[in-house]
Amino acid sequence: MTLLLDTSVVIASLDADEPHHAACDRLLSAGGHRLFAHGLAETYAILTGSRMARRIGPDAAAELIESAVLPFVELVHLTGRETMAALAEAPRRGARGGAVYDFLHLAAARKAGVDALVTLDRRDFEAMTRPGDPMVRMP
């Protein structure tokens, strides 16, 4: 089964205090899964000062992503045209404001042809899915 991991899964895999750490770490360290390239920037933002209670420095965050994430995933990129097509579709899927970033993860999952998008924010993604989209599941 091919999977695209959402940023929430990556963050939980890197933080032993996260409730879903063990399951997310197993998924990430198994390797061979996909990750929307934008997820690297989201991971960096969270590690360096967003929602995490324990922030780490920018150099340490970049090193952690390079050593503990990149070796285990295949990045999926959206071209400018693909991004614009997704943004044009976003309102019909209910993706506005910050939800558009989740929708772009879903667009990347569709492009990659994965079986499932794995996230800790299942309800957010399920609200945007339609027939033909990859299934959304928890780790």
Protein backbone atom coordinates (compact mmCIF):
# COMPACT_ATOMS: atom_id res chain seq x y z
CA MET A 1 0.00 0.00 0.00
CA THR A 2 1.44 3.38 -0.98
CA LEU A 3 0.93 6.22 1.47
CA LEU A 4 1.37 9.97 1.60
CA LEU A 5 2.19 11.18 5.09
CA ASP A 6 0.76 14.47 6.30
CA THR A 7 2.93 16.88 8.27
CA SER A 8 1.09 15.93 11.47
CA VAL A 9 2.47 12.39 11.12
CA VAL A 10 6.01 13.67 10.58
CA ILE A 11 5.84 15.94 13.62
CA ALA A 12 4.47 13.15 15.82
CA SER A 13 7.23 10.83 14.61
CA LEU A 14 9.85 13.38 15.71
CA ASP A 15 8.37 14.14 19.14
CA ALA A 16 8.41 11.28 21.64
CA ASP A 17 5.88 13.14 23.79
CA GLU A 18 3.22 13.14 21.07
CA PRO A 19 0.38 10.65 21.81
CA HIS A 20 0.72 8.98 18.38
CA HIS A 21 4.54 9.01 18.35
CA ALA A 22 5.10 5.24 18.21
CA ALA A 23 2.70 4.60 15.32
CA CYS A 24 3.91 7.64 13.37
CA ASP A 25 7.56 6.81 13.94
CA ARG A 26 7.01 3.26 12.69
CA LEU A 27 5.37 4.60 9.53
CA LEU A 28 8.04 7.16 8.78
CA SER A 29 11.01 4.95 9.60
CA ALA A 30 9.60 2.11 7.46
CA GLY A 31 10.45 4.28 4.48
CA GLY A 32 9.06 4.25 0.99
CA HIS A 33 6.16 6.59 1.65
CA ARG A 34 5.47 9.93 -0.01
CA LEU A 35 5.51 13.42 1.46
CA PHE A 36 4.27 16.62 -0.17
CA ALA A 37 7.41 18.78 -0.45
CA HIS A 38 5.64 21.66 1.30
CA GLY A 39 5.48 19.40 4.35
CA LEU A 40 9.20 20.00 4.87
CA ALA A 41 8.56 23.73 5.35
CA GLU A 42 5.56 23.03 7.60
CA THR A 43 7.67 20.68 9.71
CA TYR A 44 10.43 23.28 10.01
CA ALA A 45 7.92 25.98 11.00
CA ILE A 46 6.38 23.81 13.70
CA LEU A 47 9.74 22.66 15.07
CA THR A 48 11.12 26.18 15.26
CA GLY A 49 8.28 27.94 16.94
CA SER A 50 4.77 27.16 15.93
CA ARG A 51 2.60 24.82 18.02
CA MET A 52 5.28 22.79 19.79
CA ALA A 53 5.87 23.63 23.43
CA ARG A 54 9.56 22.73 23.09
CA ARG A 55 10.99 24.77 20.25
CA ILE A 56 14.33 23.92 18.73
CA GLY A 57 16.76 26.16 16.92
CA PRO A 58 16.63 26.58 13.15
CA ASP A 59 19.91 24.74 12.51
CA ALA A 60 18.85 21.81 14.68
CA ALA A 61 15.45 21.68 12.97
CA ALA A 62 16.99 21.62 9.51
CA GLU A 63 19.44 18.91 10.58
CA LEU A 64 16.65 16.82 12.14
CA ILE A 65 14.53 17.03 8.99
CA GLU A 66 17.50 16.15 6.81
CA SER A 67 18.52 13.15 8.92
CA ALA A 68 15.22 11.81 10.27
CA VAL A 69 12.74 12.61 7.49
CA LEU A 70 14.33 13.00 4.06
CA PRO A 71 16.00 9.57 3.91
CA PHE A 72 12.67 7.87 4.50
CA VAL A 73 10.30 9.64 2.09
CA GLU A 74 9.88 10.34 -1.58
CA LEU A 75 8.92 13.96 -2.12
CA VAL A 76 5.93 14.87 -4.25
CA HIS A 77 6.02 18.28 -5.93
CA LEU A 78 3.15 20.23 -7.45
CA THR A 79 3.97 22.41 -10.42
CA GLY A 80 2.68 25.95 -10.59
CA ARG A 81 -0.14 24.85 -12.90
CA GLU A 82 -1.04 21.94 -10.63
CA THR A 83 -1.09 24.25 -7.63
CA MET A 84 -3.31 26.75 -9.43
CA ALA A 85 -5.68 23.97 -10.55
CA ALA A 86 -5.93 22.80 -6.93
CA LEU A 87 -6.54 26.36 -5.72
CA ALA A 88 -9.32 26.74 -8.30
CA GLU A 89 -10.89 23.53 -6.99
CA ALA A 90 -10.37 24.37 -3.31
CA PRO A 91 -13.57 26.44 -2.79
CA ARG A 92 -15.72 23.59 -4.14
CA ARG A 93 -14.05 21.31 -1.60
CA GLY A 94 -14.59 23.72 1.30
CA ALA A 95 -10.90 24.58 1.60
CA ARG A 96 -10.45 28.20 2.62
CA GLY A 97 -7.86 30.01 4.67
CA GLY A 98 -5.34 27.67 6.27
CA ALA A 99 -7.31 24.59 5.13
CA VAL A 100 -5.91 25.17 1.66
CA TYR A 101 -2.58 23.74 2.84
CA ASP A 102 -4.30 20.48 3.77
CA PHE A 103 -6.04 20.53 0.41
CA LEU A 104 -2.68 20.86 -1.35
CA HIS A 105 -1.50 17.75 0.54
CA LEU A 106 -4.58 15.98 -0.83
CA ALA A 107 -3.77 17.23 -4.36
CA ALA A 108 -0.23 15.90 -3.96
CA ALA A 109 -1.62 12.55 -2.79
CA ARG A 110 -3.83 12.40 -5.89
CA LYS A 111 -0.89 13.26 -8.13
CA ALA A 112 1.27 10.57 -6.51
CA GLY A 113 -1.48 7.98 -6.97
CA VAL A 114 -1.22 6.78 -3.38
CA ASP A 115 -3.76 4.49 -1.79
CA ALA A 116 -4.13 6.60 1.35
CA LEU A 117 -3.21 9.90 2.94
CA VAL A 118 -2.20 9.32 6.55
CA THR A 119 -2.90 12.14 8.99
CA LEU A 120 -3.71 12.89 12.60
CA ASP A 121 -6.27 15.41 11.31
CA ARG A 122 -8.54 12.86 9.66
CA ARG A 123 -11.79 14.82 9.98
CA ASP A 124 -10.27 17.90 8.35
CA PHE A 125 -9.18 15.90 5.31
CA GLU A 126 -12.31 13.77 5.06
CA ALA A 127 -14.41 16.93 4.75
CA MET A 128 -12.53 17.72 1.52
CA THR A 129 -12.37 14.29 -0.11
CA ARG A 130 -14.53 13.16 -2.98
CA PRO A 131 -14.94 9.84 -4.83
CA GLY A 132 -11.70 8.97 -6.56
CA ASP A 133 -9.49 10.61 -3.94
CA PRO A 134 -7.13 8.49 -1.85
CA MET A 135 -8.69 7.27 1.38
CA VAL A 136 -7.82 9.19 4.52
CA ARG A 137 -6.66 7.25 7.53
CA MET A 138 -5.01 7.59 10.89
CA PRO A 139 -1.59 6.02 11.57
